[in-house]
Protein backbone atom coordinates (compact mmCIF):
# COMPACT_ATOMS: atom_id res chain seq x y z
CA UNK A 1 0.12 -0.05 -0.01
CA UNK A 2 2.66 2.59 0.86
CA UNK A 3 4.61 1.87 -2.64
CA UNK A 4 1.63 3.64 -4.09
CA UNK A 5 2.20 6.75 -1.59
CA UNK A 6 5.64 7.78 -2.52
CA UNK A 7 7.49 9.26 -5.64
CA UNK A 8 10.06 6.98 -7.48
CA UNK A 9 12.71 8.21 -5.59
CA UNK A 10 11.41 7.59 -2.29
CA UNK A 11 9.85 10.83 -1.44
CA UNK A 12 6.62 11.22 0.29
CA UNK A 13 3.78 11.79 -2.44
CA UNK A 14 2.22 14.98 -1.70
CA UNK A 15 -1.85 15.95 -2.47
CA UNK A 16 -2.42 19.28 -3.41
CA UNK A 17 -6.02 20.45 -2.40
CA UNK A 18 -8.06 22.06 -5.09
CA UNK A 19 -11.14 24.58 -4.06
CA UNK A 20 -14.27 24.71 -6.28
CA UNK A 21 -13.49 28.29 -7.02
CA UNK A 22 -10.09 27.59 -8.75
CA UNK A 23 -11.51 25.37 -11.31
CA UNK A 24 -12.03 26.86 -14.64
CA UNK A 25 -15.05 25.66 -16.35
CA UNK A 26 -15.30 25.78 -19.82
CA UNK A 27 -18.59 26.28 -21.57
CA UNK A 28 -19.31 23.85 -24.29
CA UNK A 29 -18.83 25.49 -27.41
CA UNK A 30 -22.40 25.63 -29.62
CA UNK A 31 -22.56 24.22 -32.70
CA UNK A 32 -24.28 25.32 -35.29
CA UNK A 33 -27.20 23.11 -36.61
CA UNK A 34 -29.33 23.58 -40.35
CA UNK A 35 -32.74 22.32 -40.32
CA UNK A 36 -33.71 22.96 -44.25
CA UNK A 37 -32.94 26.61 -44.54
CA UNK A 38 -32.88 27.63 -40.82
CA UNK A 39 -29.95 27.78 -38.24
CA UNK A 40 -31.25 26.84 -34.98
CA UNK A 41 -30.38 28.89 -31.83
CA UNK A 42 -31.32 28.18 -28.07
CA UNK A 43 -34.53 26.69 -26.49
CA UNK A 44 -36.83 29.40 -25.49
CA UNK A 45 -39.75 27.32 -24.19
CA UNK A 46 -40.98 24.06 -23.54
CA UNK A 47 -44.48 22.59 -23.52
CA UNK A 48 -45.89 19.16 -22.76
CA UNK A 49 -44.93 17.56 -26.05
CA UNK A 50 -42.85 19.94 -27.87
CA UNK A 51 -39.70 22.30 -27.58
CA UNK A 52 -39.35 25.89 -29.28
CA UNK A 53 -35.89 26.94 -30.38
CA UNK A 54 -35.17 30.56 -31.84
CA UNK A 55 -34.17 30.14 -35.49
CA UNK A 56 -32.72 32.46 -37.96
CA UNK A 57 -34.00 31.85 -41.55
CA UNK A 58 -30.77 32.09 -43.78
CA UNK A 59 -32.66 33.23 -46.82
CA UNK A 60 -34.55 36.23 -45.29
CA UNK A 61 -32.40 36.70 -42.35
CA UNK A 62 -35.61 36.88 -40.45
CA UNK A 63 -36.03 35.77 -36.43
CA UNK A 64 -38.15 32.85 -36.22
CA UNK A 65 -39.26 30.25 -33.83
CA UNK A 66 -39.37 26.52 -34.20
CA UNK A 67 -41.53 24.20 -32.65
CA UNK A 68 -39.99 20.81 -32.38
CA UNK A 69 -41.98 17.78 -31.53
CA UNK A 70 -41.01 14.09 -31.65
CA UNK A 71 -43.51 11.92 -33.18
CA UNK A 72 -42.35 9.18 -30.53
CA UNK A 73 -43.72 11.40 -27.67
CA UNK A 74 -46.61 12.13 -29.07
CA UNK A 75 -47.91 9.11 -29.53
CA UNK A 76 -47.66 8.66 -25.66
CA UNK A 77 -50.22 11.44 -25.32
CA UNK A 78 -54.01 11.12 -25.96
CA UNK A 79 -54.66 12.65 -28.95
CA UNK A 80 -51.33 13.96 -29.05
CA UNK A 81 -50.84 13.64 -33.16
CA UNK A 82 -54.45 14.55 -33.81
CA UNK A 83 -54.01 17.84 -31.97
CA UNK A 84 -50.45 18.61 -33.86
CA UNK A 85 -52.29 18.07 -37.31
CA UNK A 86 -55.17 20.07 -36.04
CA UNK A 87 -53.04 23.00 -35.17
CA UNK A 88 -51.31 22.68 -38.58
CA UNK A 89 -54.70 22.66 -40.67
CA UNK A 90 -56.08 25.58 -38.75
CA UNK A 91 -52.85 27.60 -38.56
CA UNK A 92 -52.03 27.38 -42.44
CA UNK A 93 -55.85 29.49 -42.68
CA UNK A 94 -54.72 32.08 -40.62
CA UNK A 95 -53.20 35.59 -41.13
CA UNK A 96 -53.96 38.13 -38.46
CA UNK A 97 -52.01 40.62 -36.59
CA UNK A 98 -53.09 39.28 -33.11
CA UNK A 99 -52.79 35.36 -34.16
CA UNK A 100 -49.54 33.69 -34.51
CA UNK A 101 -48.23 33.11 -37.77
CA UNK A 102 -47.06 29.54 -39.32
CA UNK A 103 -44.61 29.96 -42.11
CA UNK A 104 -43.72 26.31 -42.77
CA UNK A 105 -43.68 22.61 -41.37
CA UNK A 106 -40.75 20.31 -42.08
CA UNK A 107 -40.65 16.65 -41.28
CA UNK A 108 -37.80 14.60 -40.64
CA UNK A 109 -38.64 11.01 -41.23
CA UNK A 110 -35.41 9.51 -39.91
CA UNK A 111 -35.32 11.27 -36.68
CA UNK A 112 -39.16 11.14 -36.78
CA UNK A 113 -39.30 14.98 -35.88
CA UNK A 114 -41.84 17.74 -36.93
CA UNK A 115 -40.67 21.02 -37.06
CA UNK A 116 -43.49 24.22 -37.00
CA UNK A 117 -41.45 27.08 -37.86
CA UNK A 118 -43.67 30.23 -36.64
CA UNK A 119 -43.46 33.84 -36.13
CA UNK A 120 -40.81 34.90 -32.97
CA UNK A 121 -42.36 36.30 -29.74
CA UNK A 122 -40.10 37.44 -27.29
CA UNK A 123 -42.34 36.59 -24.04
CA UNK A 124 -45.06 34.84 -22.85
CA UNK A 125 -47.64 37.40 -21.20
CA UNK A 126 -47.81 34.90 -18.34
CA UNK A 127 -44.26 35.24 -17.77
CA UNK A 128 -44.90 39.13 -17.06
CA UNK A 129 -47.44 38.71 -14.69
CA UNK A 130 -45.23 36.06 -12.72
CA UNK A 131 -42.52 38.68 -12.46
CA UNK A 132 -44.08 41.33 -10.12
CA UNK A 133 -45.38 40.81 -6.84
CA UNK A 134 -49.05 41.22 -7.13
CA UNK A 135 -49.11 39.20 -10.55
CA UNK A 136 -51.28 41.85 -12.22
CA UNK A 137 -51.06 44.46 -15.21
CA UNK A 138 -51.74 48.70 -14.65
CA UNK A 139 -54.77 49.40 -16.09
CA UNK A 140 -53.88 50.67 -19.03
CA UNK A 141 -51.59 47.80 -19.77
CA UNK A 142 -54.54 45.14 -19.06
CA UNK A 143 -56.62 47.40 -21.34
CA UNK A 144 -54.23 47.29 -24.33
CA UNK A 145 -53.69 43.56 -24.05
CA UNK A 146 -57.25 42.86 -23.68
CA UNK A 147 -58.28 45.00 -26.63
CA UNK A 148 -55.70 43.12 -28.82
CA UNK A 149 -56.84 39.88 -27.75
CA UNK A 150 -60.73 40.61 -28.64
CA UNK A 151 -59.61 41.67 -31.99
CA UNK A 152 -57.69 38.65 -32.57
CA UNK A 153 -60.70 36.66 -31.14
CA UNK A 154 -63.06 38.51 -33.42
CA UNK A 155 -60.68 37.35 -36.30
CA UNK A 156 -61.01 33.59 -35.32
CA UNK A 157 -64.57 33.54 -34.74
CA UNK A 158 -65.35 35.12 -38.13
CA UNK A 159 -63.27 32.37 -39.62
CA UNK A 160 -65.45 29.61 -37.81
CA UNK A 161 -62.59 28.96 -35.19
CA UNK A 162 -63.09 28.39 -31.74
CA UNK A 163 -59.75 28.46 -29.77
CA UNK A 164 -61.24 27.05 -26.43
CA UNK A 165 -58.36 27.68 -24.36
CA UNK A 166 -57.63 31.26 -24.10
CA UNK A 167 -55.38 32.12 -21.14
CA UNK A 168 -52.38 34.32 -20.66
CA UNK A 169 -50.05 31.62 -20.93
CA UNK A 170 -51.42 31.32 -24.48
CA UNK A 171 -50.82 34.79 -25.51
CA UNK A 172 -47.31 35.94 -26.65
CA UNK A 173 -45.79 39.18 -26.90
CA UNK A 174 -43.58 40.63 -29.52
CA UNK A 175 -40.76 43.43 -28.86
CA UNK A 176 -43.12 45.75 -30.45
CA UNK A 177 -45.81 44.95 -27.82
CA UNK A 178 -48.14 43.07 -30.15
CA UNK A 179 -50.08 40.41 -28.55
CA UNK A 180 -50.38 37.17 -30.26
CA UNK A 181 -53.05 34.23 -29.63
CA UNK A 182 -51.02 30.85 -30.06
CA UNK A 183 -51.78 27.22 -29.07
CA UNK A 184 -54.31 26.02 -31.34
CA UNK A 185 -53.86 22.44 -30.18
CA UNK A 186 -57.55 22.07 -28.58
CA UNK A 187 -59.22 24.55 -31.33
CA UNK A 188 -62.01 23.30 -33.06
CA UNK A 189 -63.30 24.59 -36.98
CA UNK A 190 -66.97 24.88 -37.58
CA UNK A 191 -68.03 23.06 -40.33
CA UNK A 192 -68.64 25.16 -43.63
CA UNK A 193 -72.38 24.59 -43.52
CA UNK A 194 -73.24 24.52 -39.65
CA UNK A 195 -75.69 26.92 -38.72
CA UNK A 196 -74.27 27.38 -35.25
CA UNK A 197 -71.39 27.24 -32.93
CA UNK A 198 -72.25 24.38 -31.02
CA UNK A 199 -69.21 22.11 -29.41
CA UNK A 200 -69.20 18.88 -27.94
CA UNK A 201 -65.65 18.21 -26.50
CA UNK A 202 -63.50 20.72 -24.54
CA UNK A 203 -59.82 20.23 -23.49
CA UNK A 204 -59.18 23.57 -22.27
CA UNK A 205 -57.43 24.82 -18.57
CA UNK A 206 -59.83 24.12 -15.74
CA UNK A 207 -59.67 27.70 -14.04
CA UNK A 208 -60.47 29.27 -17.45
CA UNK A 209 -63.51 26.81 -17.91
CA UNK A 210 -67.47 28.20 -18.11
CA UNK A 211 -70.44 26.80 -15.94
CA UNK A 212 -71.55 25.05 -18.98
CA UNK A 213 -68.41 22.93 -19.20
CA UNK A 214 -68.42 22.70 -15.20
CA UNK A 215 -71.53 21.35 -15.06
CA UNK A 216 -70.83 18.42 -17.92
CA UNK A 217 -73.00 19.81 -20.39
CA UNK A 218 -72.87 17.59 -23.71
CA UNK A 219 -73.08 20.36 -25.97
CA UNK A 220 -72.01 24.00 -25.50
CA UNK A 221 -71.71 27.20 -27.72
CA UNK A 222 -68.15 27.22 -28.45
CA UNK A 223 -68.16 31.22 -28.89
CA UNK A 224 -69.38 31.91 -25.59
CA UNK A 225 -66.51 29.33 -24.10
CA UNK A 226 -63.95 32.00 -25.67
CA UNK A 227 -65.79 35.04 -24.06
CA UNK A 228 -66.07 33.43 -20.83
CA UNK A 229 -62.40 32.43 -20.85
CA UNK A 230 -61.34 35.84 -22.13
CA UNK A 231 -63.28 37.45 -19.29
CA UNK A 232 -61.17 35.40 -16.62
CA UNK A 233 -57.93 36.30 -18.54
CA UNK A 234 -59.45 40.33 -17.95
CA UNK A 235 -60.10 39.70 -14.45
CA UNK A 236 -56.64 37.91 -14.12
CA UNK A 237 -54.89 40.89 -15.86
CA UNK A 238 -56.61 43.61 -13.65
CA UNK A 239 -56.72 41.75 -9.83
CA UNK A 240 -53.81 39.22 -10.17
CA UNK A 241 -55.91 36.39 -9.00
CA UNK A 242 -58.93 34.46 -10.36
CA UNK A 243 -62.89 34.81 -10.25
CA UNK A 244 -63.17 31.28 -9.11
CA UNK A 245 -60.61 28.61 -7.25
CA UNK A 246 -60.61 25.51 -5.88
CA UNK A 247 -58.22 23.05 -4.01
CA UNK A 248 -58.91 20.49 -6.80
CA UNK A 249 -60.64 20.47 -10.12
CA UNK A 250 -64.06 19.27 -8.43
CA UNK A 251 -64.14 22.00 -5.95
CA UNK A 252 -62.82 24.39 -8.90
CA UNK A 253 -65.94 23.42 -11.18
CA UNK A 254 -68.53 23.41 -8.30
CA UNK A 255 -67.46 26.87 -7.32
CA UNK A 256 -67.49 27.93 -11.27
CA UNK A 257 -70.91 26.41 -11.38
CA UNK A 258 -72.61 27.85 -8.21
CA UNK A 259 -70.45 30.39 -6.65
CA UNK A 260 -71.53 34.38 -7.18
CA UNK A 261 -68.84 36.48 -8.74
CA UNK A 262 -66.94 38.27 -6.14
CA UNK A 263 -66.00 41.72 -7.50
CA UNK A 264 -62.94 43.33 -5.37
CA UNK A 265 -64.14 46.71 -4.11
CA UNK A 266 -61.42 48.80 -5.72
CA UNK A 267 -62.35 47.63 -9.33
CA UNK A 268 -63.40 50.31 -11.72
CA UNK A 269 -67.45 50.47 -12.37
CA UNK A 270 -66.88 50.31 -16.01
CA UNK A 271 -64.79 47.42 -15.88
CA UNK A 272 -66.79 45.83 -13.13
CA UNK A 273 -69.74 46.03 -16.01
CA UNK A 274 -67.37 44.18 -18.75
CA UNK A 275 -66.31 41.58 -16.24
CA UNK A 276 -69.74 40.78 -14.87
CA UNK A 277 -71.11 40.95 -18.58
CA UNK A 278 -68.29 38.49 -19.77
CA UNK A 279 -68.88 36.07 -16.89
CA UNK A 280 -72.60 35.58 -16.77
CA UNK A 281 -73.62 32.03 -15.72
CA UNK A 282 -76.11 31.76 -18.60
CA UNK A 283 -74.24 31.83 -22.15
CA UNK A 284 -77.40 33.12 -23.62
CA UNK A 285 -77.02 36.11 -21.41
CA UNK A 286 -73.41 36.46 -21.70
CA UNK A 287 -71.79 39.22 -24.11
CA UNK A 288 -70.89 38.71 -27.53
CA UNK A 289 -68.00 40.00 -29.26
CA UNK A 290 -69.72 43.22 -30.40
CA UNK A 291 -70.74 43.61 -26.73
CA UNK A 292 -67.39 43.58 -25.64
CA UNK A 293 -65.90 45.80 -28.49
CA UNK A 294 -68.31 48.54 -27.96
CA UNK A 295 -68.37 48.81 -24.31
CA UNK A 296 -67.49 51.71 -22.59
CA UNK A 297 -64.05 50.62 -20.65
CA UNK A 298 -63.07 49.25 -24.02
CA UNK A 299 -63.45 52.55 -25.85
CA UNK A 300 -62.46 54.70 -23.02
CA UNK A 301 -58.71 56.03 -23.08
CA UNK A 302 -56.55 54.95 -20.07
CA UNK A 303 -54.28 57.28 -18.69
CA UNK A 304 -50.55 55.68 -18.12
CA UNK A 305 -50.03 56.81 -14.60
CA UNK A 306 -47.55 54.12 -13.57
CA UNK A 307 -44.96 52.04 -15.04
CA UNK A 308 -45.93 49.03 -17.60
CA UNK A 309 -44.81 45.77 -16.58
CA UNK A 310 -41.70 45.16 -18.48
CA UNK A 311 -40.68 41.71 -20.33
CA UNK A 312 -38.54 39.82 -17.55
CA UNK A 313 -34.67 38.88 -17.85
CA UNK A 314 -33.96 35.64 -18.77
CA UNK A 315 -32.13 33.70 -16.21
CA UNK A 316 -28.76 34.40 -18.03
CA UNK A 317 -29.72 38.09 -17.62
CA UNK A 318 -30.08 39.04 -21.10
CA UNK A 319 -32.18 41.99 -20.27
CA UNK A 320 -33.67 42.69 -24.07
CA UNK A 321 -33.61 38.91 -24.77
CA UNK A 322 -31.28 39.41 -27.60
CA UNK A 323 -30.56 36.83 -30.58
CA UNK A 324 -29.53 33.64 -28.95
CA UNK A 325 -28.34 32.32 -32.99
CA UNK A 326 -25.37 34.67 -32.81
CA UNK A 327 -23.15 32.55 -31.32
CA UNK A 328 -23.97 29.33 -33.58
CA UNK A 329 -23.50 31.84 -36.36
CA UNK A 330 -20.06 32.62 -34.90
CA UNK A 331 -19.29 29.07 -35.03
CA UNK A 332 -20.56 29.02 -38.65
CA UNK A 333 -18.05 31.97 -39.54
CA UNK A 334 -15.02 30.29 -38.06
CA UNK A 335 -15.83 27.23 -39.44
CA UNK A 336 -16.08 28.72 -43.03
CA UNK A 337 -13.07 30.71 -42.45
CA UNK A 338 -11.15 27.79 -41.35
CA UNK A 339 -12.07 25.80 -44.71
CA UNK A 340 -11.01 28.87 -46.80
CA UNK A 341 -7.73 28.84 -45.44
CA UNK A 342 -7.27 25.29 -45.70
CA UNK A 343 -8.29 25.44 -49.30
CA UNK A 344 -5.68 28.25 -49.82
CA UNK A 345 -2.93 26.06 -48.33
CA UNK A 346 -3.41 23.34 -50.01
CA UNK A 347 -3.36 25.19 -53.63
CA UNK A 348 0.47 25.45 -52.83
CA UNK A 349 1.01 21.75 -51.84
CA UNK A 350 -1.00 19.94 -54.45
CA UNK A 351 -0.46 19.59 -58.06
CA UNK A 352 -2.61 20.79 -60.30
CA UNK A 353 -3.57 17.50 -61.58
CA UNK A 354 -4.54 16.53 -58.07
CA UNK A 355 -6.49 20.04 -57.16
CA UNK A 356 -8.12 19.75 -60.47
CA UNK A 357 -9.15 16.00 -59.60
CA UNK A 358 -10.28 16.94 -55.75
CA UNK A 359 -12.35 20.03 -57.79
CA UNK A 360 -14.27 17.80 -60.13
CA UNK A 361 -14.85 15.14 -57.58
CA UNK A 362 -16.24 17.85 -55.33
CA UNK A 363 -18.42 19.15 -58.24
CA UNK A 364 -19.88 15.68 -58.72
CA UNK A 365 -20.63 15.30 -54.87
CA UNK A 366 -22.42 18.49 -54.86
CA UNK A 367 -24.24 17.71 -58.24
CA UNK A 368 -25.65 14.48 -56.74
CA UNK A 369 -26.75 15.78 -53.76
CA UNK A 370 -28.87 18.50 -55.30
CA UNK A 371 -26.03 21.22 -54.60
CA UNK A 372 -27.76 21.97 -51.28
CA UNK A 373 -24.54 22.76 -49.75
CA UNK A 374 -23.90 25.48 -52.22
CA UNK A 375 -26.79 26.96 -51.86
CA UNK A 376 -26.71 27.18 -48.31
CA UNK A 377 -23.32 28.53 -48.70
CA UNK A 378 -24.48 31.40 -50.55
CA UNK A 379 -26.98 32.28 -48.18
CA UNK A 380 -24.79 31.93 -45.30
CA UNK A 381 -22.14 34.28 -47.18
CA UNK A 382 -24.75 36.95 -47.74
CA UNK A 383 -25.82 36.41 -44.01
CA UNK A 384 -22.33 37.13 -42.80
CA UNK A 385 -21.89 40.26 -44.72
CA UNK A 386 -25.13 41.71 -43.59
CA UNK A 387 -24.12 40.95 -39.83
CA UNK A 388 -20.72 42.53 -40.77
CA UNK A 389 -18.87 39.33 -39.94
CA UNK A 390 -16.34 39.97 -42.98
CA UNK A 391 -15.33 43.68 -41.71
CA UNK A 392 -15.01 42.91 -38.28
CA UNK A 393 -12.36 40.16 -36.43
CA UNK A 394 -14.69 37.44 -34.28
CA UNK A 395 -12.86 36.21 -31.28
């Protein structure tokens, strides 16, 4: 045993204690990954069956978001694949300022992955609510977000689409403060020749469900479901709480169905009138979109008497949530520069015959592969030029 505790010259072996603060951790290098024409960035959000990554379109240089789903995981979730296909089908029909836009859908059969390339937004409205102690917005900010929600909802209903899951967690926000309705996984599109908006199935979030669903009615008005959940959202925006709560889903649904709406004493009379109209127990008496649009509280201009709730910093401390694709672009530029340097060195060391043969082989590979790499290089060179990579040295 002692033989292992001495140096070869017989001197005692000394052990040097290393403290954790003395260890230098090297961050893992970010390696660029292409999915079709898109350069993938960091993960910016995760759901029950998907991850969302920021990405950059190498053709248009637009910042976008990629919703990534594995088919293997979708199969484990009840109605998982059907919900995704429904969402794709609906989003392809929609085009409105306050509804998230779908640009393309990419299937990777080898890896059984599906990519939905969508409009990029910097935050979820629920994030903003969670970032402040009282969990609510100033009135002017609530008014702004709510009015945008109503416009988006009006458009959806005009297209015969019922969202069924309106809530702060399904409302996104752009850097310009534009609200985008998202997550159409449980939405329903009415038949073209359907004379009413009656629906039979609801899978929305329990706290935002109306009494007719809490009571277990077989059929219900889809439009009035969205009105109720928008009313709960407005109540939440302005008070920081929910109109009905419960220790479990059974108690929650019982309270939604039977309890009277309790309005905070400090709520403005016009706002109280609007909330009560949207949260009427009877769907027939509940406000319609037109009633909401022309309500006095909605039409009223609300003064900015306090600071707005700002988009919170990410854990890494990025105040403005800058483009996470940039480190990956640096990696691409570095590799591109290395390849050019290597080609320059080879010209001096190879014979003209060998160089000609190598170029011929490279051309044949590119031609056989559909010249994908060549097209991608063209996009990337344009991208590097636009971002100034070729005018400044990257460390």
